[in-house]
Amino acid sequence: MTLRTTKSTVTFENFFVLGDFKETFPPGTYEVETDEELLEGPSFSAYRRTKTLIYLPAEAGHPGSTRTLEIDYAALDDALRRDAGSGAAPNPRIAG
């Protein structure tokens, strides 16, 4: 099995929620890491997303206490769309 990992950043202008997490996260720029596995077909190769992580910075008053959450990539797309205020392109602010 061949895996690849992609690192990117996303920026939220407003407070946001991700999927089923009950927590509200503050605006800012977040690092995202996505793992994908290679799917080989008879005439093509493609990758399937297997895991997405978002790295949360330390909270004020708790330096060094960062967290990493495993999230559904679709939930990240939804949160970015809501933050942008429209149903436009799903990944307008994911930078590689």
Protein backbone atom coordinates (compact mmCIF):
# COMPACT_ATOMS: atom_id res chain seq x y z
CA MET A 1 0.00 0.00 0.00
CA THR A 2 1.42 3.38 -1.03
CA LEU A 3 0.55 6.34 1.17
CA ARG A 4 1.16 10.04 0.68
CA THR A 5 0.76 12.89 3.13
CA THR A 6 -0.17 16.41 2.09
CA LYS A 7 0.27 19.42 4.37
CA SER A 8 -1.68 22.64 3.89
CA THR A 9 -3.10 25.59 5.78
CA VAL A 10 -6.64 26.89 6.07
CA THR A 11 -7.72 30.31 7.29
CA PHE A 12 -10.99 31.06 9.04
CA GLU A 13 -12.14 34.66 9.36
CA ASN A 14 -14.85 33.82 11.92
CA PHE A 15 -15.44 31.41 14.79
CA PHE A 16 -16.31 27.98 13.40
CA VAL A 17 -17.37 24.43 14.25
CA LEU A 18 -16.19 21.18 12.68
CA GLY A 19 -18.59 18.32 12.11
CA ASP A 20 -19.86 16.73 15.32
CA PHE A 21 -17.42 18.52 17.64
CA LYS A 22 -19.36 20.48 20.26
CA GLU A 23 -16.56 23.03 20.49
CA THR A 24 -16.35 26.38 18.73
CA PHE A 25 -12.88 27.22 17.38
CA PRO A 26 -11.47 30.75 17.04
CA PRO A 27 -10.63 32.50 13.76
CA GLY A 28 -7.10 32.05 12.50
CA THR A 29 -4.83 29.99 10.30
CA TYR A 30 -4.64 26.25 10.97
CA GLU A 31 -2.33 23.54 9.69
CA VAL A 32 -4.03 20.54 8.08
CA GLU A 33 -2.44 17.19 7.20
CA THR A 34 -4.14 14.70 4.89
CA ASP A 35 -3.13 11.07 4.31
CA GLU A 36 -4.15 9.35 1.09
CA GLU A 37 -3.62 5.81 -0.18
CA LEU A 38 -2.91 4.91 -3.79
CA LEU A 39 -5.65 3.04 -5.64
CA GLU A 40 -4.38 1.36 -8.77
CA GLY A 41 -6.79 0.50 -11.52
CA PRO A 42 -6.14 -1.25 -14.83
CA SER A 43 -5.78 2.04 -16.71
CA PHE A 44 -5.39 4.71 -14.04
CA SER A 45 -4.13 5.51 -10.57
CA ALA A 46 -5.98 7.59 -8.02
CA TYR A 47 -5.69 8.44 -4.34
CA ARG A 48 -8.32 7.91 -1.65
CA ARG A 49 -8.31 10.17 1.41
CA THR A 50 -7.86 8.07 4.54
CA LYS A 51 -7.23 10.57 7.33
CA THR A 52 -7.33 14.33 7.88
CA LEU A 53 -5.82 16.05 10.91
CA ILE A 54 -6.14 19.67 12.00
CA TYR A 55 -3.61 21.15 14.40
CA LEU A 56 -5.07 23.52 16.98
CA PRO A 57 -2.75 26.14 18.48
CA ALA A 58 -2.24 26.51 22.21
CA GLU A 59 -4.98 28.38 24.03
CA ALA A 60 -4.23 31.68 25.74
CA GLY A 61 -2.88 31.00 29.19
CA HIS A 62 -1.86 27.44 28.27
CA PRO A 63 1.33 27.78 26.19
CA GLY A 64 2.57 24.56 24.67
CA SER A 65 -0.73 22.72 25.05
CA THR A 66 -1.54 22.22 21.37
CA ARG A 67 -4.08 19.65 20.20
CA THR A 68 -4.51 17.57 17.10
CA LEU A 69 -7.97 16.47 15.96
CA GLU A 70 -8.80 13.82 13.39
CA ILE A 71 -11.62 15.29 11.32
CA ASP A 72 -13.77 14.40 8.34
CA TYR A 73 -12.48 16.29 5.29
CA ALA A 74 -16.07 17.02 4.23
CA ALA A 75 -16.65 18.74 7.61
CA LEU A 76 -13.64 20.96 6.91
CA ASP A 77 -15.04 21.83 3.48
CA ASP A 78 -18.42 22.66 5.04
CA ALA A 79 -16.84 24.86 7.71
CA LEU A 80 -14.84 26.77 5.06
CA ARG A 81 -17.98 27.30 2.98
CA ARG A 82 -19.92 28.60 5.97
CA ASP A 83 -17.01 30.89 6.87
CA ALA A 84 -16.95 32.29 3.35
CA GLY A 85 -20.70 32.95 3.62
CA SER A 86 -21.61 31.19 0.40
CA GLY A 87 -21.94 27.76 -1.16
CA ALA A 88 -19.22 28.56 -3.69
CA ALA A 89 -16.06 26.55 -4.37
CA PRO A 90 -15.45 24.15 -1.49
CA ASN A 91 -11.70 24.78 -1.01
CA PRO A 92 -11.15 28.48 -1.75
CA ARG A 93 -8.62 28.95 1.04
CA ILE A 94 -6.75 25.67 1.29
CA ALA A 95 -3.16 26.43 0.38
CA GLY A 96 -0.59 23.71 -0.26
